[in-house]
Amino acid sequence: MSSKSKGGGGTVSRRWTLLLCLGSFFTGLLFTNRMWMVPEAKDIIRANKAKEHREELVVEGYYSKIMDQKDEARKILGEEGSTTEDDLQMLNKAISNLEMELAAAKMAQESILKGSPVPQELKVIKTRRHKYFMVIGINTAFNSRKRRDSVRATWMPQGEKRKKLEEEKGIVIRFVIGHGATSGGILDRAVEAEDKKHADFLRLNHVEGYLELSAKTKTYFATAFSLWDAEFYVKVDDDVHVNIATLGNTLARHRLKPRVYIGCMKCGPVLARKHILHKYVNEDVSLGSWFIGLDVEHIDDRKLCCGTPPDCEWKAQAGSTCVASFDWSCSGICDSADRIKEVHQRCGENESTIWNAGD
């Protein structure tokens, strides 16, 4: 009986043991699944939040970029961002300046590749260029010393006045000349001595010659643009009388135009199915013809070609002061070295006009 009783107790014990094992196993599975699933859910939540945060950053960054672009546009177009005609003209002018800078850079590169000497002024590199209103280049030749002196004695300020004109009014005036066929010869040395005295020359990388006036004109504009960041570049001959303040007022009316060519029609049209860059002996004709292929507004202003007294004198008395005066028969003032002083006395503006003129 005792043996039966032990055998029965052992059987019950094994069943309970099995049940307890199975229960422990399933309980372990249950807790294990919960431990695995909870962190996974948290990771998913964190991942979703991180993704949403990244998307917010991207959106904010994109929005910020758009706002930056809008702010930049407002700087160009004005505070209200209005696309008025004046604003568009200013944008076109900015584009035009960039195109001119590119053209000047290409010309400089070509000059270097050809081994041409670089003018001393071009060796000075400025990180930030001063903005000028206009650059006036007075075309002159080696044998025109008397003409240059007559211009200096009349309408072209000298010494500190010319320096003040550049600094306060942004007006640069230079006699424009190249070099002789023999570089460093007697002609070049004479100009160097004159320039040392007056410091009013712009020397070009160009061989002087009457039949090369078109090339000289092109070189002048390219050189002037590389040296001075100006709104207008003016070319005039050394036998013409100029009223600087009146010239400035005339140009100021066209400031907002991106591309403008202001001159005075003297002989009428001269082109008839010619190539755009055809060179003429007369440099003014060549320059005008070159602009035909560009998006340039041509303006025929008669104040730029008044006659000598009494013509310019009558106009001045009538309140319409001339910009430039010369004799049509000579394409300049005949015997200008002797007569330009008289023209200046009878047709010249008051000396104080240029200093009182608004910017």
Foldseek 3Di string as FASTA:
>chain_A
DVVVVVVVVVVVVVVVVVVVVVVVVVVVVVVVVVVVPVVVVVVVVVVVVVVVVVVVVVVVVVVVVVVVVVVVCCVQCHVVSDPDPLSVLQVLLVVLLVVLVVVLVVVVVVCVVVVFDDDPLLVDDDPDADEAAEEEEAEDELPCPLLVVLCCVFAQDFDPVQVCCCVPHRYAYAYEDEAAPDHPDPSVVVVVVVCVVGVRHDYFSDHDDLQCVQVSVVRVVSVVVSNHNHQYYHYHYSQKDFAVLLVSVVVVVCSSHNAEDEDADDPDDDDDPDDQQDDDSDNVNNVVSVCPVDPYHYHHDCLAEFEAPPGQLVCVVVVNQGGMYAHSVVSGNVVSSPCVNVSSVRRYDDPCSNVPRDD
